[in-house]
Protein backbone atom coordinates (compact mmCIF):
# COMPACT_ATOMS: atom_id res chain seq x y z
CA MET A 1 150.76 90.42 86.07
CA ARG A 2 150.79 91.37 89.75
CA ALA A 3 149.23 94.73 88.90
CA ILE A 4 146.50 93.03 86.86
CA THR A 5 145.83 90.51 89.60
CA ALA A 6 145.61 93.29 92.20
CA ALA A 7 143.18 95.22 90.00
CA VAL A 8 140.97 92.16 89.55
CA VAL A 9 140.93 91.48 93.30
CA LEU A 10 140.09 95.11 93.98
CA SER A 11 137.26 95.09 91.46
CA PHE A 12 135.77 91.96 93.03
CA ALA A 13 136.08 93.53 96.47
CA CYS A 14 134.25 96.63 95.29
CA PHE A 15 131.55 94.51 93.68
CA ALA A 16 131.14 92.48 96.85
CA ALA A 17 130.82 95.65 98.90
CA GLN A 18 128.19 97.01 96.52
CA ALA A 19 126.31 93.71 96.51
CA GLN A 20 126.32 93.37 100.29
CA VAL A 21 122.88 92.65 101.69
CA LEU A 22 122.40 93.77 105.27
CA GLY A 23 120.63 91.52 107.74
CA PHE A 24 117.70 93.45 109.22
CA GLY A 25 116.30 91.60 112.23
CA SER A 26 112.71 92.29 113.20
CA ALA A 27 109.80 91.17 115.32
CA PRO A 28 107.29 88.69 113.80
CA GLN A 29 105.30 89.52 110.67
CA GLY A 30 102.16 91.46 111.57
CA SER A 31 103.88 93.37 114.37
CA ILE A 32 104.55 97.08 114.10
CA GLY A 33 108.25 96.30 114.51
CA TYR A 34 108.15 94.25 111.32
CA ASN A 35 106.23 97.01 109.53
CA MET A 36 108.79 99.62 110.67
CA SER A 37 111.67 97.46 109.47
CA SER A 38 110.08 96.88 106.07
CA ALA A 39 109.41 100.61 105.59
CA ILE A 40 113.00 101.50 106.48
CA ALA A 41 114.42 98.74 104.25
CA LYS A 42 112.40 100.09 101.31
CA VAL A 43 113.76 103.62 101.79
CA LEU A 44 117.33 102.31 102.10
CA ALA A 45 116.96 100.39 98.84
CA GLU A 46 115.29 103.16 96.84
CA ASP A 47 117.12 106.24 98.14
CA ALA A 48 120.52 104.97 99.26
CA LYS A 49 120.88 101.84 97.10
CA ILE A 50 121.52 99.87 100.30
CA GLN A 51 120.04 96.40 100.08
CA SER A 52 118.78 94.72 103.24
CA ARG A 53 116.77 91.61 103.97
CA VAL A 54 114.16 91.87 106.73
CA GLN A 55 114.35 88.68 108.77
CA PRO A 56 111.51 88.20 111.28
CA TYR A 57 112.25 86.47 114.59
CA SER A 58 110.09 85.66 117.58
CA GLY A 59 110.99 88.99 119.19
CA SER A 60 113.66 91.55 120.05
CA SER A 61 115.08 89.29 122.75
CA ALA A 62 116.22 86.99 119.97
CA VAL A 63 117.27 89.74 117.55
CA LEU A 64 119.50 92.08 119.57
CA PRO A 65 122.07 89.42 120.56
CA LEU A 66 122.44 88.59 116.84
CA VAL A 67 123.09 92.25 116.00
CA ASN A 68 125.57 92.38 118.87
CA SER A 69 127.44 89.33 117.54
CA GLY A 70 127.47 90.60 113.94
CA GLU A 71 125.19 87.87 112.59
CA LEU A 72 122.69 90.64 111.83
CA ASP A 73 123.47 94.27 111.04
CA LEU A 74 120.54 96.29 112.31
CA ALA A 75 117.16 96.10 114.02
CA VAL A 76 114.49 98.30 115.53
CA CYS A 77 113.84 98.17 119.27
CA ASN A 78 112.48 100.34 122.05
CA VAL A 79 114.40 102.50 124.48
CA LEU A 80 114.01 100.04 127.34
CA GLU A 81 115.37 97.17 125.26
CA ILE A 82 118.50 99.05 124.19
CA GLU A 83 119.14 100.17 127.76
CA GLU A 84 118.88 96.72 129.29
CA ALA A 85 120.83 95.07 126.47
CA THR A 86 123.79 97.47 126.48
CA LYS A 87 124.01 97.67 130.27
CA GLY A 88 123.49 93.94 130.87
CA GLU A 89 120.47 94.59 133.08
CA GLY A 90 116.99 93.17 133.45
CA THR A 91 116.46 90.32 131.05
CA TYR A 92 120.06 90.71 129.84
CA ASN A 93 121.50 90.41 133.35
CA GLY A 94 125.05 89.10 133.00
CA ARG A 95 124.84 89.21 129.19
CA LYS A 96 125.88 92.77 128.30
CA GLN A 97 125.47 93.40 124.57
CA ALA A 98 128.44 95.75 124.35
CA ASN A 99 128.54 95.93 120.54
CA LEU A 100 125.11 97.50 120.10
CA ARG A 101 124.92 101.11 118.95
CA VAL A 102 122.03 103.53 118.43
CA LEU A 103 121.81 104.72 114.84
CA GLY A 104 118.87 107.04 115.33
CA VAL A 105 115.54 107.55 117.11
CA ILE A 106 112.48 107.15 114.90
CA PHE A 107 109.15 107.67 116.66
CA PRO A 108 107.29 106.81 119.85
CA LEU A 109 105.11 103.75 120.08
CA LEU A 110 101.70 104.37 121.61
CA SER A 111 100.02 101.65 123.62
CA SER A 112 97.67 100.57 126.35
CA ILE A 113 95.48 97.57 127.05
CA PHE A 114 92.59 97.23 124.61
CA VAL A 115 89.24 95.50 125.09
CA ARG A 116 86.29 94.68 122.88
CA LYS A 117 84.32 97.76 121.96
CA ASP A 118 81.19 96.50 123.78
CA SER A 119 83.12 95.33 126.87
CA PRO A 120 81.93 96.60 130.27
CA ILE A 121 85.60 97.30 131.10
CA GLN A 122 85.94 101.07 130.93
CA SER A 123 89.20 101.81 132.73
CA LEU A 124 92.55 100.25 133.61
CA ALA A 125 91.28 99.87 137.18
CA ASP A 126 88.52 97.58 135.85
CA LEU A 127 91.16 95.07 134.73
CA LYS A 128 91.51 93.64 138.24
CA GLY A 129 90.68 89.95 138.10
CA LYS A 130 90.72 89.94 134.28
CA ARG A 131 92.83 87.79 131.95
CA ILE A 132 95.78 89.74 130.52
CA PRO A 133 98.71 88.53 128.35
CA ALA A 134 101.99 88.20 130.29
CA GLY A 135 105.24 86.28 130.46
CA PHE A 136 106.37 87.26 126.94
CA SER A 137 109.14 84.70 126.50
CA ALA A 138 110.30 86.10 123.13
CA GLN A 139 109.69 89.78 123.94
CA VAL A 140 110.60 89.82 127.59
CA THR A 141 110.73 93.60 128.08
CA LEU A 142 107.02 93.79 127.26
CA ASP A 143 106.20 92.56 130.75
CA ARG A 144 107.66 95.76 132.19
CA ILE A 145 105.72 97.83 129.68
CA ILE A 146 102.45 96.14 130.62
CA ASP A 147 103.28 96.58 134.31
CA ALA A 148 103.83 100.30 133.62
CA VAL A 149 100.45 100.64 131.89
CA LEU A 150 98.65 98.77 134.65
CA ALA A 151 100.41 100.78 137.37
CA ASN A 152 99.11 103.99 135.82
CA GLY A 153 95.62 102.70 136.62
CA GLY A 154 96.55 101.53 140.10
CA VAL A 155 96.66 97.85 139.09
CA ALA A 156 99.50 95.50 140.07
CA ARG A 157 100.57 92.21 138.47
CA GLN A 158 99.02 90.19 141.30
CA ASP A 159 95.65 91.86 140.59
CA ILE A 160 95.28 90.26 137.15
CA VAL A 161 95.06 86.72 135.80
CA GLU A 162 98.24 86.18 133.76
CA VAL A 163 97.92 84.34 130.45
CA LYS A 164 101.37 83.28 129.23
CA VAL A 165 102.20 84.14 125.60
CA PRO A 166 105.53 84.20 123.70
CA ASN A 167 104.89 87.46 121.82
CA VAL A 168 102.28 90.08 120.93
CA ILE A 169 101.10 88.18 117.86
CA ARG A 170 100.08 85.18 119.97
CA GLY A 171 98.50 87.51 122.50
CA ALA A 172 96.43 89.18 119.78
CA ASP A 173 95.29 85.79 118.49
CA ASP A 174 94.30 84.72 122.00
CA PHE A 175 92.28 87.93 122.35
CA THR A 176 90.47 87.24 119.08
CA GLU A 177 89.68 83.72 120.26
CA GLY A 178 88.29 84.99 123.58
CA LYS A 179 91.05 83.47 125.71
CA ILE A 180 91.95 86.82 127.29
CA ASP A 181 89.90 89.85 128.29
CA GLY A 182 92.39 92.60 127.51
CA GLY A 183 94.88 92.62 124.65
CA PHE A 184 98.17 94.44 124.29
CA PHE A 185 99.62 95.76 121.04
CA ALA A 186 101.09 99.02 119.78
CA LEU A 187 98.58 101.37 118.20
CA GLY A 188 98.65 101.46 114.40
CA ALA A 189 99.96 97.95 113.76
CA ALA A 190 98.40 95.89 110.96
CA LYS A 191 97.60 93.13 113.44
CA VAL A 192 95.54 95.57 115.53
CA LEU A 193 93.36 96.39 112.52
CA GLU A 194 92.95 92.65 111.87
CA VAL A 195 91.79 92.07 115.46
CA HIS A 196 89.55 95.13 115.31
CA LYS A 197 87.73 93.75 112.28
CA SER A 198 87.59 90.18 113.61
CA VAL A 199 85.85 90.98 116.90
CA GLY A 200 83.57 93.78 115.76
CA GLY A 201 85.69 96.60 117.14
CA ILE A 202 88.16 97.23 119.94
CA ARG A 203 88.73 100.13 122.32
CA TYR A 204 92.02 101.23 123.92
CA LEU A 205 91.73 102.01 127.63
CA PRO A 206 92.92 105.53 128.50
CA LEU A 207 95.82 106.33 130.80
CA SER A 208 95.85 109.20 133.27
CA ASP A 209 98.31 112.11 133.14
CA ASP A 210 97.78 112.82 136.82
CA PRO A 211 101.26 113.22 138.37
CA GLN A 212 100.73 110.36 140.81
CA ALA A 213 99.56 108.00 138.05
CA VAL A 214 102.52 108.99 135.86
CA ALA A 215 104.91 108.45 138.79
CA ARG A 216 103.54 104.92 139.30
CA MET A 217 104.05 104.22 135.60
CA LYS A 218 107.61 105.57 135.59
CA LYS A 219 108.63 103.25 138.44
CA HIS A 220 108.41 100.45 135.86
CA MET A 221 109.54 102.37 132.79
CA SER A 222 111.29 105.67 133.43
CA TYR A 223 111.37 106.68 129.74
CA ALA A 224 107.61 106.37 129.25
CA TYR A 225 105.27 109.34 129.11
CA VAL A 226 101.55 109.95 128.54
CA THR A 227 100.31 111.67 125.41
CA GLU A 228 96.89 112.26 123.87
CA VAL A 229 96.07 110.58 120.57
CA LYS A 230 93.34 111.80 118.28
CA PRO A 231 91.27 109.43 116.11
CA GLY A 232 92.60 108.69 112.64
CA PRO A 233 92.25 106.11 109.87
CA ALA A 234 95.43 104.34 110.99
CA PHE A 235 94.37 104.17 114.65
CA ALA A 236 91.92 101.29 115.06
CA GLY A 237 90.64 101.28 118.64
CA VAL A 238 90.72 105.05 119.13
CA ASP A 239 87.38 106.68 118.26
CA LYS A 240 87.83 109.76 120.48
CA PRO A 241 90.85 111.63 121.91
CA THR A 242 92.54 109.08 124.17
CA LYS A 243 95.60 109.35 126.41
CA LEU A 244 98.04 106.48 125.84
CA MET A 245 101.51 105.54 127.03
CA ALA A 246 104.36 106.51 124.69
CA TYR A 247 107.94 105.28 124.54
CA ASP A 248 110.56 105.81 121.85
CA TYR A 249 111.59 103.31 119.19
CA LEU A 250 114.99 103.48 117.54
CA ILE A 251 117.24 101.83 114.98
CA ALA A 252 120.04 99.78 116.54
CA VAL A 253 123.12 98.65 114.62
CA GLY A 254 126.15 96.58 115.44
CA SER A 255 129.51 98.25 116.02
CA HIS A 256 130.81 96.15 113.10
CA VAL A 257 128.79 98.31 110.69
CA GLY A 258 131.20 100.75 109.02
CA ASP A 259 131.04 104.48 109.67
CA GLU A 260 130.30 105.34 106.04
CA LEU A 261 127.46 102.83 105.86
CA ALA A 262 125.95 104.06 109.14
CA TYR A 263 126.21 107.63 107.79
CA LYS A 264 124.32 106.68 104.63
CA ILE A 265 121.60 104.83 106.57
CA ALA A 266 121.09 107.82 108.88
CA ARG A 267 120.89 110.19 105.89
CA ALA A 268 118.39 108.01 104.01
CA VAL A 269 116.09 107.66 107.03
CA HIS A 270 116.37 111.36 107.93
CA ASP A 271 115.44 112.45 104.41
CA GLY A 272 112.91 109.69 103.75
CA LYS A 273 109.94 110.64 105.93
CA PRO A 274 107.40 110.97 103.07
CA LYS A 275 108.22 107.49 101.76
CA LEU A 276 108.26 106.06 105.27
CA ILE A 277 104.76 107.42 105.89
CA SER A 278 103.53 105.94 102.62
CA SER A 279 104.61 102.51 103.90
CA LEU A 280 103.49 102.93 107.53
CA GLY A 281 101.25 105.73 108.77
CA ALA A 282 102.83 105.64 112.23
CA PHE A 283 105.85 107.42 110.73
CA ARG A 284 103.77 110.60 110.85
CA GLY A 285 105.08 110.79 114.41
CA PHE A 286 108.69 110.66 113.17
CA ASN A 287 110.69 113.85 113.75
CA PRO A 288 113.85 113.58 111.60
CA ASP A 289 115.53 116.43 113.45
CA ALA A 290 115.18 114.56 116.75
CA MET A 291 116.93 111.39 115.59
CA ASN A 292 119.93 112.30 117.73
CA ARG A 293 118.10 112.96 121.00
CA ALA A 294 119.70 111.44 124.08
CA MET A 295 119.32 107.71 124.60
CA PRO A 296 120.66 105.39 127.33
CA ALA A 297 123.20 103.85 124.93
CA THR A 298 126.08 104.95 122.70
CA PHE A 299 125.36 106.33 119.22
CA HIS A 300 127.21 104.99 116.20
CA PRO A 301 129.97 107.44 115.14
CA GLY A 302 128.87 107.22 111.50
CA SER A 303 125.39 108.50 112.27
CA VAL A 304 126.77 111.08 114.72
CA LYS A 305 128.88 112.50 111.89
CA TYR A 306 125.75 112.97 109.78
CA TYR A 307 123.78 114.59 112.61
CA LYS A 308 126.62 117.02 113.28
CA GLU A 309 126.66 118.00 109.63
CA LYS A 310 122.91 118.61 109.76
CA GLY A 311 123.30 120.67 112.92
CA ILE A 312 120.93 118.44 114.89
CA ALA A 313 121.40 119.05 118.60
CA LYS A 314 121.43 116.07 120.98
């Protein structure tokens, strides 16, 4: 009887493990963070039989503490967010999220300030005295990213008129409604295409790769760099080669996620580029063999095991 009971308990435990649904925290619907999360969740379900539920929140500032506490299992975030969260710096000052781990780097986000296509604003320097979204209460690290973009053009926070918004979705809506002069959103997001169509076209303002301009930018965000983007069907707001700011996005997981599960997630994402692209064109910039490149936070041992087997150098 004890043997039978033990077997039944074990079978239920195995079933529960197989039926586990991971909590995948993301930015609001319409954001590129939500689109990334949905694309990854689809690959995990189809290729690794790992079920996850994408749960949108107001922003990464709300999501990462939940991954750290184990209430959620994984999320996507940018390099600045993982650095500040795990070190207890910046917006996480005194609140170190010590249980966060990097599972793998996916691709860089490309961004700048965008304006209406017929706007007389032609450069970042022209944004002085203009209304720009700021004070992102739910995505607090975005203020530093905007400061970095502006600094590239020789513009400081005190030079603009700040319009307080909680997140990029609200900022995009305010831009559409004419409440701000320059919008901010990552290139390639579905919301950007929506805004582009609503206002008769938008145009991203170019950054400079002059060493002095780059140095000003890096004072605010040391991991950012400038790269040229060519026009493409997924890039509303770029109708000619344009230099934008780039910074890496990654998958973060909690330390409570088991090594075997982290291994399987890393393998599915590494091998799933074609399917990821079919869900979100921005994954064309994903380099699977660079998933293990150095980040300012600790990698999960389960994903490290996979990268070592693949021979991917850090």
